Amino acid sequence: MTSYLEEFTYFTDTQDLNEAVKRHVAKHWNNLTATERTVLYTIRRYSTQHGAAHLRHGTIEQEIGKSNSTVRRAIRKLEKLGIIKRVHFIRPAWAPIFMQSCRV
């Protein structure tokens, strides 16, 4: 089954994703704090299967042990630098079940 996340990916595979993250970190090293890099690495780790991630701020908070405002600030900075693209999307909880039951 194709994941809804695949329509948001820019990467051909995990290696392509990892190389893009390395390039961005190298390019923006002096502009990123350790926390901002950690947020980026967390997003990358959750993106390896589909090339994109559907994460809540709370998930990142728990992963890195920082506050909600720190995580939000880091995400805004990563977005401003063009490293990530945030897409507001609510995954329908019923979709996978409905799609499976409609298959012929």
PDB file of N, CA and C in Angstrom:
ATOM      1  N   MET A   1       0.844  -1.175   0.000  1.00  0.00           N
ATOM      2  CA  MET A   1       0.000   0.000   0.000  1.00  0.00           C
ATOM      3  C   MET A   1       0.894   1.244   0.000  1.00  0.00           C
ATOM      4  N   THR A   2       0.562   2.216  -0.783  1.00  0.00           N
ATOM      5  CA  THR A   2       1.294   3.467  -0.853  1.00  0.00           C
ATOM      6  C   THR A   2       0.891   4.352   0.313  1.00  0.00           C
ATOM      7  N   SER A   3       1.882   4.970   0.923  1.00  0.00           N
ATOM      8  CA  SER A   3       1.612   5.860   2.047  1.00  0.00           C
ATOM      9  C   SER A   3       1.245   7.244   1.525  1.00  0.00           C
ATOM     10  N   TYR A   4       0.360   7.915   2.226  1.00  0.00           N
ATOM     11  CA  TYR A   4       0.004   9.290   1.876  1.00  0.00           C
ATOM     12  C   TYR A   4       1.221  10.207   1.966  1.00  0.00           C
ATOM     13  N   LEU A   5       2.258   9.823   2.726  1.00  0.00           N
ATOM     14  CA  LEU A   5       3.456  10.645   2.869  1.00  0.00           C
ATOM     15  C   LEU A   5       4.287  10.705   1.594  1.00  0.00           C
ATOM     16  N   GLU A   6       4.179   9.697   0.757  1.00  0.00           N
ATOM     17  CA  GLU A   6       5.015   9.635  -0.434  1.00  0.00           C
ATOM     18  C   GLU A   6       4.761  10.779  -1.405  1.00  0.00           C
ATOM     19  N   GLU A   7       3.576  11.380  -1.359  1.00  0.00           N
ATOM     20  CA  GLU A   7       3.327  12.520  -2.250  1.00  0.00           C
ATOM     21  C   GLU A   7       4.093  13.768  -1.813  1.00  0.00           C
ATOM     22  N   PHE A   8       4.647  13.764  -0.603  1.00  0.00           N
ATOM     23  CA  PHE A   8       5.373  14.930  -0.091  1.00  0.00           C
ATOM     24  C   PHE A   8       6.886  14.771  -0.152  1.00  0.00           C
ATOM     25  N   THR A   9       7.392  13.648  -0.627  1.00  0.00           N
ATOM     26  CA  THR A   9       8.829  13.412  -0.604  1.00  0.00           C
ATOM     27  C   THR A   9       9.538  14.010  -1.822  1.00  0.00           C
ATOM     28  N   TYR A  10      10.781  14.407  -1.590  1.00  0.00           N
ATOM     29  CA  TYR A  10      11.635  14.918  -2.661  1.00  0.00           C
ATOM     30  C   TYR A  10      12.792  13.965  -2.935  1.00  0.00           C
ATOM     31  N   PHE A  11      12.860  12.852  -2.217  1.00  0.00           N
ATOM     32  CA  PHE A  11      14.027  11.989  -2.236  1.00  0.00           C
ATOM     33  C   PHE A  11      13.731  10.660  -2.916  1.00  0.00           C
ATOM     34  N   THR A  12      14.764  10.112  -3.577  1.00  0.00           N
ATOM     35  CA  THR A  12      14.598   8.840  -4.267  1.00  0.00           C
ATOM     36  C   THR A  12      14.758   7.655  -3.321  1.00  0.00           C
ATOM     37  N   ASP A  13      15.593   7.820  -2.293  1.00  0.00           N
ATOM     38  CA  ASP A  13      15.810   6.748  -1.322  1.00  0.00           C
ATOM     39  C   ASP A  13      16.413   7.344  -0.048  1.00  0.00           C
ATOM     40  N   THR A  14      16.690   6.473   0.919  1.00  0.00           N
ATOM     41  CA  THR A  14      17.220   6.916   2.207  1.00  0.00           C
ATOM     42  C   THR A  14      18.591   7.565   2.058  1.00  0.00           C
ATOM     43  N   GLN A  15      19.412   7.036   1.179  1.00  0.00           N
ATOM     44  CA  GLN A  15      20.739   7.619   0.965  1.00  0.00           C
ATOM     45  C   GLN A  15      20.620   9.048   0.443  1.00  0.00           C
ATOM     46  N   ASP A  16      19.718   9.271  -0.464  1.00  0.00           N
ATOM     47  CA  ASP A  16      19.472  10.610  -1.005  1.00  0.00           C
ATOM     48  C   ASP A  16      19.031  11.562   0.110  1.00  0.00           C
ATOM     49  N   LEU A  17      18.142  11.101   0.984  1.00  0.00           N
ATOM     50  CA  LEU A  17      17.695  11.888   2.133  1.00  0.00           C
ATOM     51  C   LEU A  17      18.863  12.231   3.047  1.00  0.00           C
ATOM     52  N   ASN A  18      19.667  11.228   3.390  1.00  0.00           N
ATOM     53  CA  ASN A  18      20.804  11.455   4.288  1.00  0.00           C
ATOM     54  C   ASN A  18      21.822  12.424   3.700  1.00  0.00           C
ATOM     55  N   GLU A  19      22.072  12.315   2.412  1.00  0.00           N
ATOM     56  CA  GLU A  19      23.014  13.226   1.755  1.00  0.00           C
ATOM     57  C   GLU A  19      22.487  14.654   1.755  1.00  0.00           C
ATOM     58  N   ALA A  20      21.194  14.822   1.536  1.00  0.00           N
ATOM     59  CA  ALA A  20      20.597  16.164   1.562  1.00  0.00           C
ATOM     60  C   ALA A  20      20.727  16.784   2.953  1.00  0.00           C
ATOM     61  N   VAL A  21      20.485  15.991   3.990  1.00  0.00           N
ATOM     62  CA  VAL A  21      20.613  16.504   5.358  1.00  0.00           C
ATOM     63  C   VAL A  21      22.061  16.904   5.628  1.00  0.00           C
ATOM     64  N   LYS A  22      23.012  16.076   5.218  1.00  0.00           N
ATOM     65  CA  LYS A  22      24.434  16.396   5.417  1.00  0.00           C
ATOM     66  C   LYS A  22      24.806  17.694   4.713  1.00  0.00           C
ATOM     67  N   ARG A  23      24.337  17.874   3.480  1.00  0.00           N
ATOM     68  CA  ARG A  23      24.642  19.105   2.738  1.00  0.00           C
ATOM     69  C   ARG A  23      24.071  20.328   3.446  1.00  0.00           C
ATOM     70  N   HIS A  24      22.819  20.232   3.902  1.00  0.00           N
ATOM     71  CA  HIS A  24      22.192  21.362   4.586  1.00  0.00           C
ATOM     72  C   HIS A  24      22.899  21.687   5.895  1.00  0.00           C
ATOM     73  N   VAL A  25      23.256  20.677   6.642  1.00  0.00           N
ATOM     74  CA  VAL A  25      23.948  20.909   7.914  1.00  0.00           C
ATOM     75  C   VAL A  25      25.305  21.553   7.655  1.00  0.00           C
ATOM     76  N   ALA A  26      26.037  21.065   6.664  1.00  0.00           N
ATOM     77  CA  ALA A  26      27.343  21.650   6.338  1.00  0.00           C
ATOM     78  C   ALA A  26      27.199  23.108   5.887  1.00  0.00           C
ATOM     79  N   LYS A  27      26.205  23.370   5.066  1.00  0.00           N
ATOM     80  CA  LYS A  27      25.990  24.722   4.546  1.00  0.00           C
ATOM     81  C   LYS A  27      25.583  25.700   5.648  1.00  0.00           C
ATOM     82  N   HIS A  28      24.769  25.249   6.593  1.00  0.00           N
ATOM     83  CA  HIS A  28      24.209  26.137   7.615  1.00  0.00           C
ATOM     84  C   HIS A  28      24.789  25.892   9.008  1.00  0.00           C
ATOM     85  N   TRP A  29      25.934  25.222   9.095  1.00  0.00           N
ATOM     86  CA  TRP A  29      26.497  24.831  10.387  1.00  0.00           C
ATOM     87  C   TRP A  29      26.550  26.001  11.371  1.00  0.00           C
ATOM     88  N   ASN A  30      27.042  27.145  10.932  1.00  0.00           N
ATOM     89  CA  ASN A  30      27.198  28.301  11.827  1.00  0.00           C
ATOM     90  C   ASN A  30      25.866  28.961  12.180  1.00  0.00           C
ATOM     91  N   ASN A  31      24.828  28.685  11.406  1.00  0.00           N
ATOM     92  CA  ASN A  31      23.514  29.279  11.661  1.00  0.00           C
ATOM     93  C   ASN A  31      22.592  28.381  12.480  1.00  0.00           C
ATOM     94  N   LEU A  32      23.023  27.140  12.744  1.00  0.00           N
ATOM     95  CA  LEU A  32      22.183  26.196  13.466  1.00  0.00           C
ATOM     96  C   LEU A  32      22.752  25.904  14.848  1.00  0.00           C
ATOM     97  N   THR A  33      21.874  25.904  15.829  1.00  0.00           N
ATOM     98  CA  THR A  33      22.285  25.501  17.172  1.00  0.00           C
ATOM     99  C   THR A  33      22.299  23.975  17.241  1.00  0.00           C
ATOM    100  N   ALA A  34      22.874  23.455  18.304  1.00  0.00           N
ATOM    101  CA  ALA A  34      22.890  21.999  18.494  1.00  0.00           C
ATOM    102  C   ALA A  34      21.462  21.456  18.571  1.00  0.00           C
ATOM    103  N   THR A  35      20.570  22.198  19.217  1.00  0.00           N
ATOM    104  CA  THR A  35      19.173  21.762  19.318  1.00  0.00           C
ATOM    105  C   THR A  35      18.502  21.749  17.956  1.00  0.00           C
ATOM    106  N   GLU A  36      18.733  22.748  17.138  1.00  0.00           N
ATOM    107  CA  GLU A  36      18.138  22.791  15.802  1.00  0.00           C
ATOM    108  C   GLU A  36      18.632  21.628  14.947  1.00  0.00           C
ATOM    109  N   ARG A  37      19.919  21.295  15.076  1.00  0.00           N
ATOM    110  CA  ARG A  37      20.451  20.134  14.351  1.00  0.00           C
ATOM    111  C   ARG A  37      19.814  18.845  14.862  1.00  0.00           C
ATOM    112  N   THR A  38      19.609  18.753  16.167  1.00  0.00           N
ATOM    113  CA  THR A  38      18.987  17.566  16.746  1.00  0.00           C
ATOM    114  C   THR A  38      17.549  17.406  16.270  1.00  0.00           C
ATOM    115  N   VAL A  39      16.827  18.508  16.174  1.00  0.00           N
ATOM    116  CA  VAL A  39      15.454  18.460  15.642  1.00  0.00           C
ATOM    117  C   VAL A  39      15.489  17.967  14.189  1.00  0.00           C
ATOM    118  N   LEU A  40      16.412  18.478  13.402  1.00  0.00           N
ATOM    119  CA  LEU A  40      16.544  18.043  12.011  1.00  0.00           C
ATOM    120  C   LEU A  40      16.865  16.552  11.931  1.00  0.00           C
ATOM    121  N   TYR A  41      17.788  16.082  12.742  1.00  0.00           N
ATOM    122  CA  TYR A  41      18.145  14.662  12.736  1.00  0.00           C
ATOM    123  C   TYR A  41      16.965  13.791  13.160  1.00  0.00           C
ATOM    124  N   THR A  42      16.158  14.297  14.087  1.00  0.00           N
ATOM    125  CA  THR A  42      14.971  13.558  14.523  1.00  0.00           C
ATOM    126  C   THR A  42      13.962  13.458  13.378  1.00  0.00           C
ATOM    127  N   ILE A  43      13.746  14.562  12.688  1.00  0.00           N
ATOM    128  CA  ILE A  43      12.837  14.550  11.532  1.00  0.00           C
ATOM    129  C   ILE A  43      13.363  13.588  10.472  1.00  0.00           C
ATOM    130  N   ARG A  44      14.667  13.634  10.234  1.00  0.00           N
ATOM    131  CA  ARG A  44      15.263  12.723   9.243  1.00  0.00           C
ATOM    132  C   ARG A  44      15.033  11.264   9.636  1.00  0.00           C
ATOM    133  N   ARG A  45      15.247  10.945  10.901  1.00  0.00           N
ATOM    134  CA  ARG A  45      15.087   9.568  11.358  1.00  0.00           C
ATOM    135  C   ARG A  45      13.655   9.067  11.128  1.00  0.00           C
ATOM    136  N   TYR A  46      12.677   9.921  11.351  1.00  0.00           N
ATOM    137  CA  TYR A  46      11.274   9.541  11.137  1.00  0.00           C
ATOM    138  C   TYR A  46      10.892   9.551   9.652  1.00  0.00           C
ATOM    139  N   SER A  47      11.757  10.123   8.812  1.00  0.00           N
ATOM    140  CA  SER A  47      11.455  10.238   7.379  1.00  0.00           C
ATOM    141  C   SER A  47      12.048   9.118   6.543  1.00  0.00           C
ATOM    142  N   THR A  48      12.826   8.243   7.142  1.00  0.00           N
ATOM    143  CA  THR A  48      13.567   7.267   6.338  1.00  0.00           C
ATOM    144  C   THR A  48      12.685   6.296   5.553  1.00  0.00           C
ATOM    145  N   GLN A  49      11.531   5.951   6.057  1.00  0.00           N
ATOM    146  CA  GLN A  49      10.703   4.970   5.353  1.00  0.00           C
ATOM    147  C   GLN A  49      10.025   5.552   4.112  1.00  0.00           C
ATOM    148  N   HIS A  50       9.504   6.779   4.208  1.00  0.00           N
ATOM    149  CA  HIS A  50       8.744   7.361   3.100  1.00  0.00           C
ATOM    150  C   HIS A  50       9.343   8.638   2.538  1.00  0.00           C
ATOM    151  N   GLY A  51      10.435   9.135   3.101  1.00  0.00           N
ATOM    152  CA  GLY A  51      11.041  10.362   2.618  1.00  0.00           C
ATOM    153  C   GLY A  51      10.383  11.611   3.163  1.00  0.00           C
ATOM    154  N   ALA A  52       9.397  11.433   4.014  1.00  0.00           N
ATOM    155  CA  ALA A  52       8.701  12.539   4.678  1.00  0.00           C
ATOM    156  C   ALA A  52       8.204  12.013   6.017  1.00  0.00           C
ATOM    157  N   ALA A  53       7.921  12.917   6.935  1.00  0.00           N
ATOM    158  CA  ALA A  53       7.476  12.497   8.262  1.00  0.00           C
ATOM    159  C   ALA A  53       6.209  13.239   8.653  1.00  0.00           C
ATOM    160  N   HIS A  54       5.359  12.552   9.388  1.00  0.00           N
ATOM    161  CA  HIS A  54       4.161  13.161   9.961  1.00  0.00           C
ATOM    162  C   HIS A  54       4.375  13.137  11.468  1.00  0.00           C
ATOM    163  N   LEU A  55       4.965  14.223  11.978  1.00  0.00           N
ATOM    164  CA  LEU A  55       5.337  14.277  13.388  1.00  0.00           C
ATOM    165  C   LEU A  55       4.590  15.367  14.121  1.00  0.00           C
ATOM    166  N   ARG A  56       4.257  15.079  15.339  1.00  0.00           N
ATOM    167  CA  ARG A  56       3.720  16.108  16.232  1.00  0.00           C
ATOM    168  C   ARG A  56       4.890  16.745  16.966  1.00  0.00           C
ATOM    169  N   HIS A  57       4.691  17.988  17.373  1.00  0.00           N
ATOM    170  CA  HIS A  57       5.731  18.652  18.152  1.00  0.00           C
ATOM    171  C   HIS A  57       6.054  17.838  19.401  1.00  0.00           C
ATOM    172  N   GLY A  58       5.024  17.270  20.014  1.00  0.00           N
ATOM    173  CA  GLY A  58       5.202  16.492  21.237  1.00  0.00           C
ATOM    174  C   GLY A  58       6.102  15.280  21.048  1.00  0.00           C
ATOM    175  N   THR A  59       6.048  14.664  19.889  1.00  0.00           N
ATOM    176  CA  THR A  59       6.915  13.522  19.607  1.00  0.00           C
ATOM    177  C   THR A  59       8.369  13.961  19.583  1.00  0.00           C
ATOM    178  N   ILE A  60       8.630  15.081  18.924  1.00  0.00           N
ATOM    179  CA  ILE A  60       9.996  15.602  18.870  1.00  0.00           C
ATOM    180  C   ILE A  60      10.453  16.029  20.266  1.00  0.00           C
ATOM    181  N   GLU A  61       9.569  16.682  21.019  1.00  0.00           N
ATOM    182  CA  GLU A  61       9.893  17.091  22.393  1.00  0.00           C
ATOM    183  C   GLU A  61      10.369  15.905  23.210  1.00  0.00           C
ATOM    184  N   GLN A  62       9.618  14.818  23.170  1.00  0.00           N
ATOM    185  CA  GLN A  62       9.969  13.630  23.942  1.00  0.00           C
ATOM    186  C   GLN A  62      11.280  13.015  23.470  1.00  0.00           C
ATOM    187  N   GLU A  63      11.489  13.006  22.168  1.00  0.00           N
ATOM    188  CA  GLU A  63      12.716  12.433  21.607  1.00  0.00           C
ATOM    189  C   GLU A  63      13.958  13.177  22.074  1.00  0.00           C
ATOM    190  N   ILE A  64      13.882  14.519  22.064  1.00  0.00           N
ATOM    191  CA  ILE A  64      15.095  15.296  22.337  1.00  0.00           C
ATOM    192  C   ILE A  64      15.128  15.903  23.735  1.00  0.00           C
ATOM    193  N   GLY A  65      14.023  15.811  24.474  1.00  0.00           N
ATOM    194  CA  GLY A  65      14.000  16.315  25.836  1.00  0.00           C
ATOM    195  C   GLY A  65      14.000  17.832  25.949  1.00  0.00           C
ATOM    196  N   LYS A  66      13.351  18.491  25.014  1.00  0.00           N
ATOM    197  CA  LYS A  66      13.251  19.956  25.024  1.00  0.00           C
ATOM    198  C   LYS A  66      11.787  20.368  25.094  1.00  0.00           C
ATOM    199  N   SER A  67      11.547  21.642  25.371  1.00  0.00           N
ATOM    200  CA  SER A  67      10.184  22.154  25.512  1.00  0.00           C
ATOM    201  C   SER A  67       9.507  22.335  24.156  1.00  0.00           C
ATOM    202  N   ASN A  68       8.184  22.481  24.209  1.00  0.00           N
ATOM    203  CA  ASN A  68       7.393  22.710  23.006  1.00  0.00           C
ATOM    204  C   ASN A  68       7.837  23.974  22.286  1.00  0.00           C
ATOM    205  N   SER A  69       8.061  25.038  23.030  1.00  0.00           N
ATOM    206  CA  SER A  69       8.459  26.305  22.388  1.00  0.00           C
ATOM    207  C   SER A  69       9.835  26.187  21.730  1.00  0.00           C
ATOM    208  N   THR A  70      10.736  25.435  22.327  1.00  0.00           N
ATOM    209  CA  THR A  70      12.062  25.236  21.722  1.00  0.00           C
ATOM    210  C   THR A  70      11.942  24.456  20.423  1.00  0.00           C
ATOM    211  N   VAL A  71      11.125  23.419  20.426  1.00  0.00           N
ATOM    212  CA  VAL A  71      10.922  22.613  19.215  1.00  0.00           C
ATOM    213  C   VAL A  71      10.271  23.460  18.125  1.00  0.00           C
ATOM    214  N   ARG A  72       9.259  24.209  18.464  1.00  0.00           N
ATOM    215  CA  ARG A  72       8.584  25.067  17.472  1.00  0.00           C
ATOM    216  C   ARG A  72       9.543  26.107  16.893  1.00  0.00           C
ATOM    217  N   ARG A  73      10.360  26.682  17.748  1.00  0.00           N
ATOM    218  CA  ARG A  73      11.336  27.679  17.293  1.00  0.00           C
ATOM    219  C   ARG A  73      12.342  27.036  16.335  1.00  0.00           C
ATOM    220  N   ALA A  74      12.798  25.844  16.660  1.00  0.00           N
ATOM    221  CA  ALA A  74      13.749  25.137  15.797  1.00  0.00           C
ATOM    222  C   ALA A  74      13.127  24.805  14.445  1.00  0.00           C
ATOM    223  N   ILE A  75      11.886  24.358  14.450  1.00  0.00           N
ATOM    224  CA  ILE A  75      11.199  24.029  13.195  1.00  0.00           C
ATOM    225  C   ILE A  75      11.031  25.278  12.334  1.00  0.00           C
ATOM    226  N   ARG A  76      10.656  26.389  12.952  1.00  0.00           N
ATOM    227  CA  ARG A  76      10.535  27.651  12.197  1.00  0.00           C
ATOM    228  C   ARG A  76      11.870  28.037  11.568  1.00  0.00           C
ATOM    229  N   LYS A  77      12.950  27.877  12.313  1.00  0.00           N
ATOM    230  CA  LYS A  77      14.274  28.222  11.793  1.00  0.00           C
ATOM    231  C   LYS A  77      14.659  27.305  10.632  1.00  0.00           C
ATOM    232  N   LEU A  78      14.438  26.008  10.775  1.00  0.00           N
ATOM    233  CA  LEU A  78      14.750  25.069   9.699  1.00  0.00           C
ATOM    234  C   LEU A  78      13.933  25.364   8.447  1.00  0.00           C
ATOM    235  N   GLU A  79      12.697  25.765   8.651  1.00  0.00           N
ATOM    236  CA  GLU A  79      11.835  26.124   7.520  1.00  0.00           C
ATOM    237  C   GLU A  79      12.311  27.426   6.872  1.00  0.00           C
ATOM    238  N   LYS A  80      12.665  28.401   7.682  1.00  0.00           N
ATOM    239  CA  LYS A  80      13.142  29.696   7.171  1.00  0.00           C
ATOM    240  C   LYS A  80      14.416  29.533   6.335  1.00  0.00           C
ATOM    241  N   LEU A  81      15.283  28.616   6.765  1.00  0.00           N
ATOM    242  CA  LEU A  81      16.528  28.377   6.030  1.00  0.00           C
ATOM    243  C   LEU A  81      16.318  27.506   4.791  1.00  0.00           C
ATOM    244  N   GLY A  82      15.108  27.011   4.592  1.00  0.00           N
ATOM    245  CA  GLY A  82      14.812  26.187   3.421  1.00  0.00           C
ATOM    246  C   GLY A  82      15.266  24.747   3.562  1.00  0.00           C
ATOM    247  N   ILE A  83      15.535  24.314   4.782  1.00  0.00           N
ATOM    248  CA  ILE A  83      15.996  22.948   5.015  1.00  0.00           C
ATOM    249  C   ILE A  83      14.819  21.984   5.045  1.00  0.00           C
ATOM    250  N   ILE A  84      13.719  22.392   5.631  1.00  0.00           N
ATOM    251  CA  ILE A  84      12.515  21.567   5.654  1.00  0.00           C
ATOM    252  C   ILE A  84      11.356  22.359   5.078  1.00  0.00           C
ATOM    253  N   LYS A  85      10.342  21.642   4.689  1.00  0.00           N
ATOM    254  CA  LYS A  85       9.095  22.269   4.254  1.00  0.00           C
ATOM    255  C   LYS A  85       7.989  21.691   5.113  1.00  0.00           C
ATOM    256  N   ARG A  86       7.289  22.564   5.785  1.00  0.00           N
ATOM    257  CA  ARG A  86       6.192  22.117   6.645  1.00  0.00           C
ATOM    258  C   ARG A  86       4.894  22.173   5.854  1.00  0.00           C
ATOM    259  N   VAL A  87       4.157  21.080   5.896  1.00  0.00           N
ATOM    260  CA  VAL A  87       2.865  20.986   5.233  1.00  0.00           C
ATOM    261  C   VAL A  87       1.842  20.682   6.312  1.00  0.00           C
ATOM    262  N   HIS A  88       0.851  21.535   6.457  1.00  0.00           N
ATOM    263  CA  HIS A  88      -0.199  21.293   7.439  1.00  0.00           C
ATOM    264  C   HIS A  88      -1.171  20.277   6.865  1.00  0.00           C
ATOM    265  N   PHE A  89      -1.272  19.167   7.539  1.00  0.00           N
ATOM    266  CA  PHE A  89      -2.052  18.048   7.020  1.00  0.00           C
ATOM    267  C   PHE A  89      -2.576  17.240   8.193  1.00  0.00           C
ATOM    268  N   ILE A  90      -3.818  16.865   8.126  1.00  0.00           N
ATOM    269  CA  ILE A  90      -4.395  15.997   9.147  1.00  0.00           C
ATOM    270  C   ILE A  90      -4.684  14.660   8.482  1.00  0.00           C
ATOM    271  N   ARG A  91      -4.013  13.635   8.947  1.00  0.00           N
ATOM    272  CA  ARG A  91      -4.176  12.301   8.377  1.00  0.00           C
ATOM    273  C   ARG A  91      -5.519  11.742   8.821  1.00  0.00           C
ATOM    274  N   PRO A  92      -6.360  11.386   7.873  1.00  0.00           N
ATOM    275  CA  PRO A  92      -7.651  10.815   8.268  1.00  0.00           C
ATOM    276  C   PRO A  92      -7.451   9.447   8.901  1.00  0.00           C
ATOM    277  N   ALA A  93      -7.974   9.272  10.094  1.00  0.00           N
ATOM    278  CA  ALA A  93      -7.797   8.014  10.823  1.00  0.00           C
ATOM    279  C   ALA A  93      -8.502   6.854  10.131  1.00  0.00           C
ATOM    280  N   TRP A  94      -9.567   7.131   9.419  1.00  0.00           N
ATOM    281  CA  TRP A  94     -10.335   6.073   8.782  1.00  0.00           C
ATOM    282  C   TRP A  94      -9.766   5.641   7.441  1.00  0.00           C
ATOM    283  N   ALA A  95      -8.903   6.409   6.841  1.00  0.00           N
ATOM    284  CA  ALA A  95      -8.465   6.162   5.464  1.00  0.00           C
ATOM    285  C   ALA A  95      -7.869   4.774   5.233  1.00  0.00           C
ATOM    286  N   PRO A  96      -6.894   4.325   6.022  1.00  0.00           N
ATOM    287  CA  PRO A  96      -6.332   3.005   5.718  1.00  0.00           C
ATOM    288  C   PRO A  96      -7.365   1.884   5.815  1.00  0.00           C
ATOM    289  N   ILE A  97      -8.250   1.936   6.765  1.00  0.00           N
ATOM    290  CA  ILE A  97      -9.270   0.893   6.923  1.00  0.00           C
ATOM    291  C   ILE A  97     -10.240   0.937   5.750  1.00  0.00           C
ATOM    292  N   PHE A  98     -10.687   2.128   5.396  1.00  0.00           N
ATOM    293  CA  PHE A  98     -11.617   2.291   4.294  1.00  0.00           C
ATOM    294  C   PHE A  98     -10.996   1.821   2.986  1.00  0.00           C
ATOM    295  N   MET A  99      -9.753   2.190   2.736  1.00  0.00           N
ATOM    296  CA  MET A  99      -9.103   1.817   1.498  1.00  0.00           C
ATOM    297  C   MET A  99      -8.921   0.307   1.398  1.00  0.00           C
ATOM    298  N   GLN A 100      -8.595  -0.340   2.498  1.00  0.00           N
ATOM    299  CA  GLN A 100      -8.432  -1.784   2.477  1.00  0.00           C
ATOM    300  C   GLN A 100      -9.759  -2.488   2.208  1.00  0.00           C
ATOM    301  N   SER A 101     -10.819  -1.998   2.799  1.00  0.00           N
ATOM    302  CA  SER A 101     -12.118  -2.667   2.622  1.00  0.00           C
ATOM    303  C   SER A 101     -12.708  -2.429   1.243  1.00  0.00           C
ATOM    304  N   CYS A 102     -12.229  -1.426   0.507  1.00  0.00           N
ATOM    305  CA  CYS A 102     -12.752  -1.144  -0.825  1.00  0.00           C
ATOM    306  C   CYS A 102     -11.976  -1.863  -1.927  1.00  0.00           C
ATOM    307  N   ARG A 103     -10.880  -2.522  -1.579  1.00  0.00           N
ATOM    308  CA  ARG A 103     -10.112  -3.220  -2.607  1.00  0.00           C
ATOM    309  C   ARG A 103     -10.896  -4.408  -3.160  1.00  0.00           C
ATOM    310  N   VAL A 104     -10.712  -4.603  -4.439  1.00  0.00           N
ATOM    311  CA  VAL A 104     -11.379  -5.731  -5.093  1.00  0.00           C
ATOM    312  C   VAL A 104     -10.363  -6.788  -5.442  1.00  0.00           C
TER     313      VAL A 104
END
